[in-house]
Amino acid sequence: METRLVRGVWGSGRAAAWMRQRMPLVAGTETSPLERVLVAADSGSGVSAAIEHARVTAINADLSVSVHRPLQGEWVGMDSLSVYEDNGVGLADTRLHDARGPIGRALQSLVVERRDL
């Protein structure tokens, strides 16, 4: 993936970025607009991660994506926010868009766990 941060700071919990696939999802096939959105949407928790990876792990247990129109172009815009709770759960909420405007939303449930040092 090619990524360009446009707002926020990596590791701050909220960031906006544009993402574009650099290679097809399946070699020798053309990637559809929906596939491009889904691949990018899976990065929402990473774009907005706000944990110390040396001390804490966080994985997305699921990914739900809803779109209301097809992506136009190769770039997927993401405005992502991750929140974490002390009980080991979190949520990454990503607004998806292209150059024309909003296209949908992605949610990722997060499982957060402290690493044994």
PDB file of N, CA and C in Angstrom:
ATOM      1  N   MET A   1       0.835  -1.175   0.000  1.00  0.00           N
ATOM      2  CA  MET A   1       0.000   0.000   0.000  1.00  0.00           C
ATOM      3  C   MET A   1       0.884   1.245   0.000  1.00  0.00           C
ATOM      4  N   GLU A   2       0.460   2.210  -0.773  1.00  0.00           N
ATOM      5  CA  GLU A   2       1.081   3.527  -0.736  1.00  0.00           C
ATOM      6  C   GLU A   2       0.187   4.386   0.150  1.00  0.00           C
ATOM      7  N   THR A   3       0.791   5.063   1.133  1.00  0.00           N
ATOM      8  CA  THR A   3       0.022   5.834   2.101  1.00  0.00           C
ATOM      9  C   THR A   3       0.553   7.247   2.183  1.00  0.00           C
ATOM     10  N   ARG A   4      -0.381   8.189   2.229  1.00  0.00           N
ATOM     11  CA  ARG A   4      -0.021   9.599   2.409  1.00  0.00           C
ATOM     12  C   ARG A   4      -0.847  10.169   3.552  1.00  0.00           C
ATOM     13  N   LEU A   5      -0.178  10.494   4.620  1.00  0.00           N
ATOM     14  CA  LEU A   5      -0.838  11.097   5.783  1.00  0.00           C
ATOM     15  C   LEU A   5      -1.198  12.537   5.439  1.00  0.00           C
ATOM     16  N   VAL A   6      -2.461  12.903   5.672  1.00  0.00           N
ATOM     17  CA  VAL A   6      -2.895  14.263   5.335  1.00  0.00           C
ATOM     18  C   VAL A   6      -3.327  15.077   6.554  1.00  0.00           C
ATOM     19  N   ARG A   7      -3.603  14.394   7.668  1.00  0.00           N
ATOM     20  CA  ARG A   7      -3.981  15.124   8.884  1.00  0.00           C
ATOM     21  C   ARG A   7      -3.690  14.244  10.087  1.00  0.00           C
ATOM     22  N   GLY A   8      -3.243  14.867  11.147  1.00  0.00           N
ATOM     23  CA  GLY A   8      -2.956  14.128  12.361  1.00  0.00           C
ATOM     24  C   GLY A   8      -1.508  13.694  12.423  1.00  0.00           C
ATOM     25  N   VAL A   9      -1.230  12.894  13.427  1.00  0.00           N
ATOM     26  CA  VAL A   9       0.115  12.389  13.675  1.00  0.00           C
ATOM     27  C   VAL A   9       0.005  10.890  13.899  1.00  0.00           C
ATOM     28  N   TRP A  10       0.915  10.117  13.276  1.00  0.00           N
ATOM     29  CA  TRP A  10       0.913   8.674  13.526  1.00  0.00           C
ATOM     30  C   TRP A  10       1.017   8.422  15.020  1.00  0.00           C
ATOM     31  N   GLY A  11       0.190   7.531  15.540  1.00  0.00           N
ATOM     32  CA  GLY A  11       0.223   7.189  16.954  1.00  0.00           C
ATOM     33  C   GLY A  11      -0.603   8.079  17.845  1.00  0.00           C
ATOM     34  N   SER A  12      -1.382   9.007  17.261  1.00  0.00           N
ATOM     35  CA  SER A  12      -2.141   9.962  18.066  1.00  0.00           C
ATOM     36  C   SER A  12      -3.564   9.504  18.383  1.00  0.00           C
ATOM     37  N   GLY A  13      -4.047   8.464  17.701  1.00  0.00           N
ATOM     38  CA  GLY A  13      -5.413   7.999  17.925  1.00  0.00           C
ATOM     39  C   GLY A  13      -6.388   8.503  16.887  1.00  0.00           C
ATOM     40  N   ARG A  14      -6.027   9.549  16.161  1.00  0.00           N
ATOM     41  CA  ARG A  14      -6.861  10.044  15.063  1.00  0.00           C
ATOM     42  C   ARG A  14      -5.946  10.526  13.959  1.00  0.00           C
ATOM     43  N   ALA A  15      -6.228  10.071  12.761  1.00  0.00           N
ATOM     44  CA  ALA A  15      -5.427  10.492  11.617  1.00  0.00           C
ATOM     45  C   ALA A  15      -6.249  10.310  10.343  1.00  0.00           C
ATOM     46  N   ALA A  16      -5.886  11.077   9.335  1.00  0.00           N
ATOM     47  CA  ALA A  16      -6.509  10.952   8.020  1.00  0.00           C
ATOM     48  C   ALA A  16      -5.409  10.672   7.002  1.00  0.00           C
ATOM     49  N   ALA A  17      -5.691   9.771   6.101  1.00  0.00           N
ATOM     50  CA  ALA A  17      -4.691   9.386   5.110  1.00  0.00           C
ATOM     51  C   ALA A  17      -5.379   8.965   3.820  1.00  0.00           C
ATOM     52  N   TRP A  18      -4.615   9.025   2.741  1.00  0.00           N
ATOM     53  CA  TRP A  18      -5.027   8.461   1.463  1.00  0.00           C
ATOM     54  C   TRP A  18      -4.208   7.188   1.263  1.00  0.00           C
ATOM     55  N   MET A  19      -4.865   6.116   0.776  1.00  0.00           N
ATOM     56  CA  MET A  19      -4.175   4.857   0.529  1.00  0.00           C
ATOM     57  C   MET A  19      -4.484   4.361  -0.876  1.00  0.00           C
ATOM     58  N   ARG A  20      -3.460   3.723  -1.472  1.00  0.00           N
ATOM     59  CA  ARG A  20      -3.629   3.145  -2.803  1.00  0.00           C
ATOM     60  C   ARG A  20      -2.836   1.847  -2.853  1.00  0.00           C
ATOM     61  N   GLN A  21      -3.470   0.817  -3.423  1.00  0.00           N
ATOM     62  CA  GLN A  21      -2.779  -0.459  -3.595  1.00  0.00           C
ATOM     63  C   GLN A  21      -1.676  -0.319  -4.628  1.00  0.00           C
ATOM     64  N   ARG A  22      -0.535  -0.911  -4.332  1.00  0.00           N
ATOM     65  CA  ARG A  22       0.582  -0.879  -5.272  1.00  0.00           C
ATOM     66  C   ARG A  22       0.631  -2.126  -6.137  1.00  0.00           C
ATOM     67  N   MET A  23      -0.081  -3.169  -5.740  1.00  0.00           N
ATOM     68  CA  MET A  23      -0.145  -4.393  -6.533  1.00  0.00           C
ATOM     69  C   MET A  23      -1.518  -5.015  -6.375  1.00  0.00           C
ATOM     70  N   PRO A  24      -1.937  -5.850  -7.324  1.00  0.00           N
ATOM     71  CA  PRO A  24      -3.278  -6.432  -7.240  1.00  0.00           C
ATOM     72  C   PRO A  24      -3.433  -7.342  -6.021  1.00  0.00           C
ATOM     73  N   LEU A  25      -4.651  -7.499  -5.568  1.00  0.00           N
ATOM     74  CA  LEU A  25      -4.954  -8.386  -4.453  1.00  0.00           C
ATOM     75  C   LEU A  25      -4.595  -9.822  -4.821  1.00  0.00           C
ATOM     76  N   VAL A  26      -4.931 -10.214  -6.048  1.00  0.00           N
ATOM     77  CA  VAL A  26      -4.598 -11.537  -6.581  1.00  0.00           C
ATOM     78  C   VAL A  26      -3.773 -11.315  -7.845  1.00  0.00           C
ATOM     79  N   ALA A  27      -2.576 -11.886  -7.870  1.00  0.00           N
ATOM     80  CA  ALA A  27      -1.678 -11.697  -9.015  1.00  0.00           C
ATOM     81  C   ALA A  27      -2.379 -12.066 -10.322  1.00  0.00           C
ATOM     82  N   GLY A  28      -2.209 -11.211 -11.327  1.00  0.00           N
ATOM     83  CA  GLY A  28      -2.758 -11.473 -12.647  1.00  0.00           C
ATOM     84  C   GLY A  28      -4.212 -11.081 -12.823  1.00  0.00           C
ATOM     85  N   THR A  29      -4.820 -10.476 -11.795  1.00  0.00           N
ATOM     86  CA  THR A  29      -6.213 -10.049 -11.910  1.00  0.00           C
ATOM     87  C   THR A  29      -6.308  -8.548 -11.669  1.00  0.00           C
ATOM     88  N   GLU A  30      -7.382  -7.966 -12.163  1.00  0.00           N
ATOM     89  CA  GLU A  30      -7.636  -6.550 -11.913  1.00  0.00           C
ATOM     90  C   GLU A  30      -8.410  -6.411 -10.606  1.00  0.00           C
ATOM     91  N   THR A  31      -8.004  -5.473  -9.780  1.00  0.00           N
ATOM     92  CA  THR A  31      -8.665  -5.242  -8.497  1.00  0.00           C
ATOM     93  C   THR A  31      -9.874  -4.345  -8.706  1.00  0.00           C
ATOM     94  N   SER A  32     -11.027  -4.769  -8.204  1.00  0.00           N
ATOM     95  CA  SER A  32     -12.259  -3.991  -8.366  1.00  0.00           C
ATOM     96  C   SER A  32     -12.256  -2.795  -7.415  1.00  0.00           C
ATOM     97  N   PRO A  33     -13.090  -1.802  -7.688  1.00  0.00           N
ATOM     98  CA  PRO A  33     -13.210  -0.666  -6.757  1.00  0.00           C
ATOM     99  C   PRO A  33     -13.588  -1.106  -5.336  1.00  0.00           C
ATOM    100  N   LEU A  34     -14.497  -2.074  -5.205  1.00  0.00           N
ATOM    101  CA  LEU A  34     -14.880  -2.541  -3.872  1.00  0.00           C
ATOM    102  C   LEU A  34     -13.707  -3.221  -3.177  1.00  0.00           C
ATOM    103  N   GLU A  35     -12.943  -4.024  -3.889  1.00  0.00           N
ATOM    104  CA  GLU A  35     -11.774  -4.662  -3.289  1.00  0.00           C
ATOM    105  C   GLU A  35     -10.769  -3.619  -2.810  1.00  0.00           C
ATOM    106  N   ARG A  36     -10.576  -2.551  -3.571  1.00  0.00           N
ATOM    107  CA  ARG A  36      -9.660  -1.487  -3.146  1.00  0.00           C
ATOM    108  C   ARG A  36     -10.127  -0.851  -1.845  1.00  0.00           C
ATOM    109  N   VAL A  37     -11.430  -0.630  -1.721  1.00  0.00           N
ATOM    110  CA  VAL A  37     -11.983  -0.058  -0.485  1.00  0.00           C
ATOM    111  C   VAL A  37     -11.774  -1.008   0.686  1.00  0.00           C
ATOM    112  N   LEU A  38     -12.057  -2.290   0.486  1.00  0.00           N
ATOM    113  CA  LEU A  38     -11.946  -3.254   1.580  1.00  0.00           C
ATOM    114  C   LEU A  38     -10.507  -3.427   2.048  1.00  0.00           C
ATOM    115  N   VAL A  39      -9.569  -3.469   1.125  1.00  0.00           N
ATOM    116  CA  VAL A  39      -8.159  -3.597   1.505  1.00  0.00           C
ATOM    117  C   VAL A  39      -7.725  -2.386   2.319  1.00  0.00           C
ATOM    118  N   ALA A  40      -8.087  -1.199   1.893  1.00  0.00           N
ATOM    119  CA  ALA A  40      -7.726   0.010   2.632  1.00  0.00           C
ATOM    120  C   ALA A  40      -8.434   0.054   3.987  1.00  0.00           C
ATOM    121  N   ALA A  41      -9.720  -0.286   4.009  1.00  0.00           N
ATOM    122  CA  ALA A  41     -10.503  -0.217   5.248  1.00  0.00           C
ATOM    123  C   ALA A  41      -9.910  -1.080   6.349  1.00  0.00           C
ATOM    124  N   ASP A  42      -9.256  -2.164   5.979  1.00  0.00           N
ATOM    125  CA  ASP A  42      -8.636  -3.044   6.966  1.00  0.00           C
ATOM    126  C   ASP A  42      -7.469  -2.361   7.676  1.00  0.00           C
ATOM    127  N   SER A  43      -7.016  -1.237   7.163  1.00  0.00           N
ATOM    128  CA  SER A  43      -5.908  -0.491   7.767  1.00  0.00           C
ATOM    129  C   SER A  43      -6.359   0.625   8.697  1.00  0.00           C
ATOM    130  N   GLY A  44      -7.658   0.780   8.910  1.00  0.00           N
ATOM    131  CA  GLY A  44      -8.162   1.864   9.755  1.00  0.00           C
ATOM    132  C   GLY A  44      -7.580   1.867  11.150  1.00  0.00           C
ATOM    133  N   SER A  45      -7.483   0.699  11.772  1.00  0.00           N
ATOM    134  CA  SER A  45      -6.938   0.639  13.130  1.00  0.00           C
ATOM    135  C   SER A  45      -5.444   0.936  13.149  1.00  0.00           C
ATOM    136  N   GLY A  46      -4.767   0.656  12.055  1.00  0.00           N
ATOM    137  CA  GLY A  46      -3.344   0.967  11.962  1.00  0.00           C
ATOM    138  C   GLY A  46      -3.093   2.444  11.728  1.00  0.00           C
ATOM    139  N   VAL A  47      -3.923   3.043  10.890  1.00  0.00           N
ATOM    140  CA  VAL A  47      -3.791   4.477  10.609  1.00  0.00           C
ATOM    141  C   VAL A  47      -3.993   5.284  11.888  1.00  0.00           C
ATOM    142  N   SER A  48      -4.911   4.845  12.737  1.00  0.00           N
ATOM    143  CA  SER A  48      -5.240   5.623  13.932  1.00  0.00           C
ATOM    144  C   SER A  48      -4.732   4.987  15.225  1.00  0.00           C
ATOM    145  N   ALA A  49      -3.806   4.038  15.131  1.00  0.00           N
ATOM    146  CA  ALA A  49      -3.295   3.363  16.325  1.00  0.00           C
ATOM    147  C   ALA A  49      -2.695   4.366  17.304  1.00  0.00           C
ATOM    148  N   ALA A  50      -3.002   4.179  18.579  1.00  0.00           N
ATOM    149  CA  ALA A  50      -2.469   5.064  19.623  1.00  0.00           C
ATOM    150  C   ALA A  50      -2.049   4.232  20.828  1.00  0.00           C
ATOM    151  N   ILE A  51      -1.290   3.180  20.556  1.00  0.00           N
ATOM    152  CA  ILE A  51      -0.796   2.328  21.632  1.00  0.00           C
ATOM    153  C   ILE A  51       0.724   2.221  21.518  1.00  0.00           C
ATOM    154  N   GLU A  52       1.356   1.873  22.608  1.00  0.00           N
ATOM    155  CA  GLU A  52       2.789   1.601  22.597  1.00  0.00           C
ATOM    156  C   GLU A  52       2.962   0.142  22.199  1.00  0.00           C
ATOM    157  N   HIS A  53       3.327  -0.088  20.940  1.00  0.00           N
ATOM    158  CA  HIS A  53       3.392  -1.457  20.430  1.00  0.00           C
ATOM    159  C   HIS A  53       4.411  -2.320  21.172  1.00  0.00           C
ATOM    160  N   ALA A  54       5.385  -1.728  21.813  1.00  0.00           N
ATOM    161  CA  ALA A  54       6.358  -2.497  22.579  1.00  0.00           C
ATOM    162  C   ALA A  54       5.744  -3.051  23.866  1.00  0.00           C
ATOM    163  N   ARG A  55       4.698  -2.392  24.364  1.00  0.00           N
ATOM    164  CA  ARG A  55       4.068  -2.807  25.633  1.00  0.00           C
ATOM    165  C   ARG A  55       2.672  -3.388  25.471  1.00  0.00           C
ATOM    166  N   VAL A  56       1.997  -3.089  24.351  1.00  0.00           N
ATOM    167  CA  VAL A  56       0.603  -3.486  24.175  1.00  0.00           C
ATOM    168  C   VAL A  56       0.395  -4.003  22.764  1.00  0.00           C
ATOM    169  N   THR A  57      -0.442  -5.025  22.623  1.00  0.00           N
ATOM    170  CA  THR A  57      -0.840  -5.490  21.297  1.00  0.00           C
ATOM    171  C   THR A  57      -2.308  -5.142  21.084  1.00  0.00           C
ATOM    172  N   ALA A  58      -2.664  -4.951  19.862  1.00  0.00           N
ATOM    173  CA  ALA A  58      -4.072  -4.718  19.511  1.00  0.00           C
ATOM    174  C   ALA A  58      -4.318  -5.333  18.136  1.00  0.00           C
ATOM    175  N   ILE A  59      -5.289  -6.214  18.061  1.00  0.00           N
ATOM    176  CA  ILE A  59      -5.662  -6.795  16.775  1.00  0.00           C
ATOM    177  C   ILE A  59      -7.125  -6.491  16.504  1.00  0.00           C
ATOM    178  N   ASN A  60      -7.491  -6.395  15.230  1.00  0.00           N
ATOM    179  CA  ASN A  60      -8.904  -6.222  14.929  1.00  0.00           C
ATOM    180  C   ASN A  60      -9.534  -7.606  14.820  1.00  0.00           C
ATOM    181  N   ALA A  61     -10.538  -7.810  15.667  1.00  0.00           N
ATOM    182  CA  ALA A  61     -11.247  -9.093  15.707  1.00  0.00           C
ATOM    183  C   ALA A  61     -12.240  -9.227  14.569  1.00  0.00           C
ATOM    184  N   ASP A  62     -12.649  -8.108  14.019  1.00  0.00           N
ATOM    185  CA  ASP A  62     -13.577  -8.139  12.889  1.00  0.00           C
ATOM    186  C   ASP A  62     -13.468  -6.837  12.112  1.00  0.00           C
ATOM    187  N   LEU A  63     -14.094  -6.835  10.956  1.00  0.00           N
ATOM    188  CA  LEU A  63     -14.131  -5.645  10.105  1.00  0.00           C
ATOM    189  C   LEU A  63     -15.503  -5.599   9.455  1.00  0.00           C
ATOM    190  N   SER A  64     -16.213  -4.509   9.668  1.00  0.00           N
ATOM    191  CA  SER A  64     -17.509  -4.285   9.017  1.00  0.00           C
ATOM    192  C   SER A  64     -17.393  -3.044   8.146  1.00  0.00           C
ATOM    193  N   VAL A  65     -17.734  -3.180   6.872  1.00  0.00           N
ATOM    194  CA  VAL A  65     -17.641  -2.067   5.934  1.00  0.00           C
ATOM    195  C   VAL A  65     -18.990  -1.887   5.252  1.00  0.00           C
ATOM    196  N   SER A  66     -19.478  -0.658   5.238  1.00  0.00           N
ATOM    197  CA  SER A  66     -20.703  -0.318   4.512  1.00  0.00           C
ATOM    198  C   SER A  66     -20.373   0.796   3.540  1.00  0.00           C
ATOM    199  N   VAL A  67     -20.772   0.627   2.295  1.00  0.00           N
ATOM    200  CA  VAL A  67     -20.559   1.660   1.284  1.00  0.00           C
ATOM    201  C   VAL A  67     -21.888   2.010   0.641  1.00  0.00           C
ATOM    202  N   HIS A  68     -22.023   3.265   0.218  1.00  0.00           N
ATOM    203  CA  HIS A  68     -23.263   3.691  -0.418  1.00  0.00           C
ATOM    204  C   HIS A  68     -23.079   4.048  -1.884  1.00  0.00           C
ATOM    205  N   ARG A  69     -21.826   3.997  -2.365  1.00  0.00           N
ATOM    206  CA  ARG A  69     -21.561   4.172  -3.793  1.00  0.00           C
ATOM    207  C   ARG A  69     -20.171   3.633  -4.091  1.00  0.00           C
ATOM    208  N   PRO A  70     -19.898   3.308  -5.347  1.00  0.00           N
ATOM    209  CA  PRO A  70     -18.583   2.766  -5.699  1.00  0.00           C
ATOM    210  C   PRO A  70     -17.474   3.812  -5.577  1.00  0.00           C
ATOM    211  N   LEU A  71     -16.283   3.326  -5.281  1.00  0.00           N
ATOM    212  CA  LEU A  71     -15.084   4.152  -5.260  1.00  0.00           C
ATOM    213  C   LEU A  71     -14.780   4.631  -6.671  1.00  0.00           C
ATOM    214  N   GLN A  72     -14.408   5.886  -6.792  1.00  0.00           N
ATOM    215  CA  GLN A  72     -13.950   6.417  -8.069  1.00  0.00           C
ATOM    216  C   GLN A  72     -12.453   6.678  -7.956  1.00  0.00           C
ATOM    217  N   GLY A  73     -11.687   6.093  -8.836  1.00  0.00           N
ATOM    218  CA  GLY A  73     -10.240   6.249  -8.811  1.00  0.00           C
ATOM    219  C   GLY A  73      -9.574   5.164  -7.993  1.00  0.00           C
ATOM    220  N   GLU A  74      -8.251   5.288  -7.850  1.00  0.00           N
ATOM    221  CA  GLU A  74      -7.461   4.286  -7.141  1.00  0.00           C
ATOM    222  C   GLU A  74      -7.239   4.611  -5.672  1.00  0.00           C
ATOM    223  N   TRP A  75      -7.349   5.880  -5.296  1.00  0.00           N
ATOM    224  CA  TRP A  75      -7.050   6.304  -3.933  1.00  0.00           C
ATOM    225  C   TRP A  75      -8.283   6.226  -3.043  1.00  0.00           C
ATOM    226  N   VAL A  76      -8.102   5.681  -1.839  1.00  0.00           N
ATOM    227  CA  VAL A  76      -9.162   5.597  -0.829  1.00  0.00           C
ATOM    228  C   VAL A  76      -8.784   6.542   0.304  1.00  0.00           C
ATOM    229  N   GLY A  77      -9.659   7.491   0.612  1.00  0.00           N
ATOM    230  CA  GLY A  77      -9.452   8.404   1.728  1.00  0.00           C
ATOM    231  C   GLY A  77      -9.988   7.789   3.001  1.00  0.00           C
ATOM    232  N   MET A  78      -9.238   7.964   4.093  1.00  0.00           N
ATOM    233  CA  MET A  78      -9.627   7.397   5.382  1.00  0.00           C
ATOM    234  C   MET A  78      -9.448   8.443   6.474  1.00  0.00           C
ATOM    235  N   ASP A  79     -10.487   8.658   7.250  1.00  0.00           N
ATOM    236  CA  ASP A  79     -10.410   9.504   8.441  1.00  0.00           C
ATOM    237  C   ASP A  79     -10.717   8.570   9.597  1.00  0.00           C
ATOM    238  N   SER A  80      -9.691   8.185  10.344  1.00  0.00           N
ATOM    239  CA  SER A  80      -9.803   7.096  11.322  1.00  0.00           C
ATOM    240  C   SER A  80      -9.601   7.574  12.753  1.00  0.00           C
ATOM    241  N   LEU A  81     -10.373   6.980  13.650  1.00  0.00           N
ATOM    242  CA  LEU A  81     -10.266   7.252  15.083  1.00  0.00           C
ATOM    243  C   LEU A  81     -10.292   5.918  15.819  1.00  0.00           C
ATOM    244  N   SER A  82      -9.299   5.669  16.654  1.00  0.00           N
ATOM    245  CA  SER A  82      -9.282   4.467  17.494  1.00  0.00           C
ATOM    246  C   SER A  82      -9.402   4.864  18.953  1.00  0.00           C
ATOM    247  N   VAL A  83     -10.234   4.120  19.676  1.00  0.00           N
ATOM    248  CA  VAL A  83     -10.381   4.323  21.123  1.00  0.00           C
ATOM    249  C   VAL A  83     -10.164   2.974  21.799  1.00  0.00           C
ATOM    250  N   TYR A  84      -9.570   3.026  22.991  1.00  0.00           N
ATOM    251  CA  TYR A  84      -9.233   1.820  23.740  1.00  0.00           C
ATOM    252  C   TYR A  84      -9.776   1.939  25.157  1.00  0.00           C
ATOM    253  N   GLU A  85     -10.261   0.832  25.696  1.00  0.00           N
ATOM    254  CA  GLU A  85     -10.772   0.812  27.065  1.00  0.00           C
ATOM    255  C   GLU A  85      -9.855  -0.049  27.932  1.00  0.00           C
ATOM    256  N   ASP A  86      -9.876   0.183  29.240  1.00  0.00           N
ATOM    257  CA  ASP A  86      -9.036  -0.560  30.175  1.00  0.00           C
ATOM    258  C   ASP A  86      -9.403  -2.035  30.266  1.00  0.00           C
ATOM    259  N   ASN A  87     -10.607  -2.394  29.805  1.00  0.00           N
ATOM    260  CA  ASN A  87     -11.050  -3.784  29.906  1.00  0.00           C
ATOM    261  C   ASN A  87     -10.578  -4.651  28.731  1.00  0.00           C
ATOM    262  N   GLY A  88      -9.719  -4.100  27.858  1.00  0.00           N
ATOM    263  CA  GLY A  88      -9.145  -4.903  26.785  1.00  0.00           C
ATOM    264  C   GLY A  88      -9.870  -4.847  25.459  1.00  0.00           C
ATOM    265  N   VAL A  89     -10.819  -3.946  25.314  1.00  0.00           N
ATOM    266  CA  VAL A  89     -11.502  -3.804  24.025  1.00  0.00           C
ATOM    267  C   VAL A  89     -11.305  -2.387  23.493  1.00  0.00           C
ATOM    268  N   GLY A  90     -11.475  -2.268  22.220  1.00  0.00           N
ATOM    269  CA  GLY A  90     -11.382  -0.968  21.583  1.00  0.00           C
ATOM    270  C   GLY A  90     -12.194  -0.964  20.305  1.00  0.00           C
ATOM    271  N   LEU A  91     -12.201   0.171  19.640  1.00  0.00           N
ATOM    272  CA  LEU A  91     -12.954   0.308  18.399  1.00  0.00           C
ATOM    273  C   LEU A  91     -12.227   1.294  17.493  1.00  0.00           C
ATOM    274  N   ALA A  92     -12.076   0.908  16.239  1.00  0.00           N
ATOM    275  CA  ALA A  92     -11.554   1.813  15.219  1.00  0.00           C
ATOM    276  C   ALA A  92     -12.714   2.171  14.298  1.00  0.00           C
ATOM    277  N   ASP A  93     -12.974   3.446  14.144  1.00  0.00           N
ATOM    278  CA  ASP A  93     -14.074   3.964  13.327  1.00  0.00           C
ATOM    279  C   ASP A  93     -13.453   4.773  12.188  1.00  0.00           C
ATOM    280  N   THR A  94     -13.718   4.370  10.952  1.00  0.00           N
ATOM    281  CA  THR A  94     -13.099   5.001   9.790  1.00  0.00           C
ATOM    282  C   THR A  94     -14.155   5.488   8.814  1.00  0.00           C
ATOM    283  N   ARG A  95     -14.103   6.763   8.506  1.00  0.00           N
ATOM    284  CA  ARG A  95     -14.931   7.331   7.444  1.00  0.00           C
ATOM    285  C   ARG A  95     -14.165   7.176   6.137  1.00  0.00           C
ATOM    286  N   LEU A  96     -14.810   6.616   5.140  1.00  0.00           N
ATOM    287  CA  LEU A  96     -14.183   6.331   3.850  1.00  0.00           C
ATOM    288  C   LEU A  96     -14.667   7.322   2.804  1.00  0.00           C
ATOM    289  N   HIS A  97     -13.743   7.767   1.937  1.00  0.00           N
ATOM    290  CA  HIS A  97     -14.136   8.695   0.888  1.00  0.00           C
ATOM    291  C   HIS A  97     -13.177   8.581  -0.304  1.00  0.00           C
ATOM    292  N   ASP A  98     -13.564   9.194  -1.395  1.00  0.00           N
ATOM    293  CA  ASP A  98     -12.675   9.366  -2.540  1.00  0.00           C
ATOM    294  C   ASP A  98     -12.615  10.851  -2.839  1.00  0.00           C
ATOM    295  N   ALA A  99     -12.029  11.221  -3.964  1.00  0.00           N
ATOM    296  CA  ALA A  99     -11.885  12.650  -4.282  1.00  0.00           C
ATOM    297  C   ALA A  99     -13.235  13.342  -4.446  1.00  0.00           C
ATOM    298  N   ARG A 100     -14.270  12.588  -4.766  1.00  0.00           N
ATOM    299  CA  ARG A 100     -15.611  13.155  -4.960  1.00  0.00           C
ATOM    300  C   ARG A 100     -16.353  13.396  -3.643  1.00  0.00           C
ATOM    301  N   GLY A 101     -16.029  12.606  -2.613  1.00  0.00           N
ATOM    302  CA  GLY A 101     -16.715  12.752  -1.327  1.00  0.00           C
ATOM    303  C   GLY A 101     -16.882  11.434  -0.609  1.00  0.00           C
ATOM    304  N   PRO A 102     -17.774  11.384   0.397  1.00  0.00           N
ATOM    305  CA  PRO A 102     -17.967  10.183   1.205  1.00  0.00           C
ATOM    306  C   PRO A 102     -18.437   8.992   0.376  1.00  0.00           C
ATOM    307  N   ILE A 103     -17.936   7.807   0.767  1.00  0.00           N
ATOM    308  CA  ILE A 103     -18.405   6.566   0.125  1.00  0.00           C
ATOM    309  C   ILE A 103     -18.893   5.540   1.137  1.00  0.00           C
ATOM    310  N   GLY A 104     -18.529   5.690   2.422  1.00  0.00           N
ATOM    311  CA  GLY A 104     -18.977   4.709   3.397  1.00  0.00           C
ATOM    312  C   GLY A 104     -18.241   4.805   4.710  1.00  0.00           C
ATOM    313  N   ARG A 105     -18.326   3.700   5.468  1.00  0.00           N
ATOM    314  CA  ARG A 105     -17.782   3.666   6.830  1.00  0.00           C
ATOM    315  C   ARG A 105     -17.254   2.272   7.126  1.00  0.00           C
ATOM    316  N   ALA A 106     -16.219   2.196   7.940  1.00  0.00           N
ATOM    317  CA  ALA A 106     -15.661   0.917   8.389  1.00  0.00           C
ATOM    318  C   ALA A 106     -15.529   0.933   9.904  1.00  0.00           C
ATOM    319  N   LEU A 107     -15.854  -0.191  10.531  1.00  0.00           N
ATOM    320  CA  LEU A 107     -15.688  -0.366  11.972  1.00  0.00           C
ATOM    321  C   LEU A 107     -14.872  -1.620  12.229  1.00  0.00           C
ATOM    322  N   GLN A 108     -13.930  -1.522  13.162  1.00  0.00           N
ATOM    323  CA  GLN A 108     -13.126  -2.665  13.558  1.00  0.00           C
ATOM    324  C   GLN A 108     -13.176  -2.793  15.074  1.00  0.00           C
ATOM    325  N   SER A 109     -13.639  -3.955  15.563  1.00  0.00           N
ATOM    326  CA  SER A 109     -13.554  -4.243  16.990  1.00  0.00           C
ATOM    327  C   SER A 109     -12.119  -4.626  17.288  1.00  0.00           C
ATOM    328  N   LEU A 110     -11.561  -4.088  18.373  1.00  0.00           N
ATOM    329  CA  LEU A 110     -10.167  -4.330  18.712  1.00  0.00           C
ATOM    330  C   LEU A 110     -10.047  -5.120  20.006  1.00  0.00           C
ATOM    331  N   VAL A 111      -9.119  -6.050  20.040  1.00  0.00           N
ATOM    332  CA  VAL A 111      -8.771  -6.802  21.240  1.00  0.00           C
ATOM    333  C   VAL A 111      -7.401  -6.290  21.668  1.00  0.00           C
ATOM    334  N   VAL A 112      -7.335  -5.726  22.860  1.00  0.00           N
ATOM    335  CA  VAL A 112      -6.119  -5.081  23.352  1.00  0.00           C
ATOM    336  C   VAL A 112      -5.581  -5.876  24.538  1.00  0.00           C
ATOM    337  N   GLU A 113      -4.268  -6.122  24.516  1.00  0.00           N
ATOM    338  CA  GLU A 113      -3.660  -6.920  25.564  1.00  0.00           C
ATOM    339  C   GLU A 113      -2.257  -6.415  25.872  1.00  0.00           C
ATOM    340  N   ARG A 114      -1.923  -6.358  27.169  1.00  0.00           N
ATOM    341  CA  ARG A 114      -0.571  -5.955  27.558  1.00  0.00           C
ATOM    342  C   ARG A 114       0.403  -7.098  27.273  1.00  0.00           C
ATOM    343  N   ARG A 115       1.589  -6.723  26.804  1.00  0.00           N
ATOM    344  CA  ARG A 115       2.650  -7.705  26.571  1.00  0.00           C
ATOM    345  C   ARG A 115       3.384  -7.956  27.891  1.00  0.00           C
ATOM    346  N   ASP A 116       3.806  -9.193  28.112  1.00  0.00           N
ATOM    347  CA  ASP A 116       4.660  -9.494  29.263  1.00  0.00           C
ATOM    348  C   ASP A 116       6.070  -9.079  28.908  1.00  0.00           C
ATOM    349  N   LEU A 117       6.629  -8.191  29.695  1.00  0.00           N
ATOM    350  CA  LEU A 117       7.991  -7.709  29.425  1.00  0.00           C
ATOM    351  C   LEU A 117       9.031  -8.484  30.177  1.00  0.00           C
TER     352      LEU A 117
END
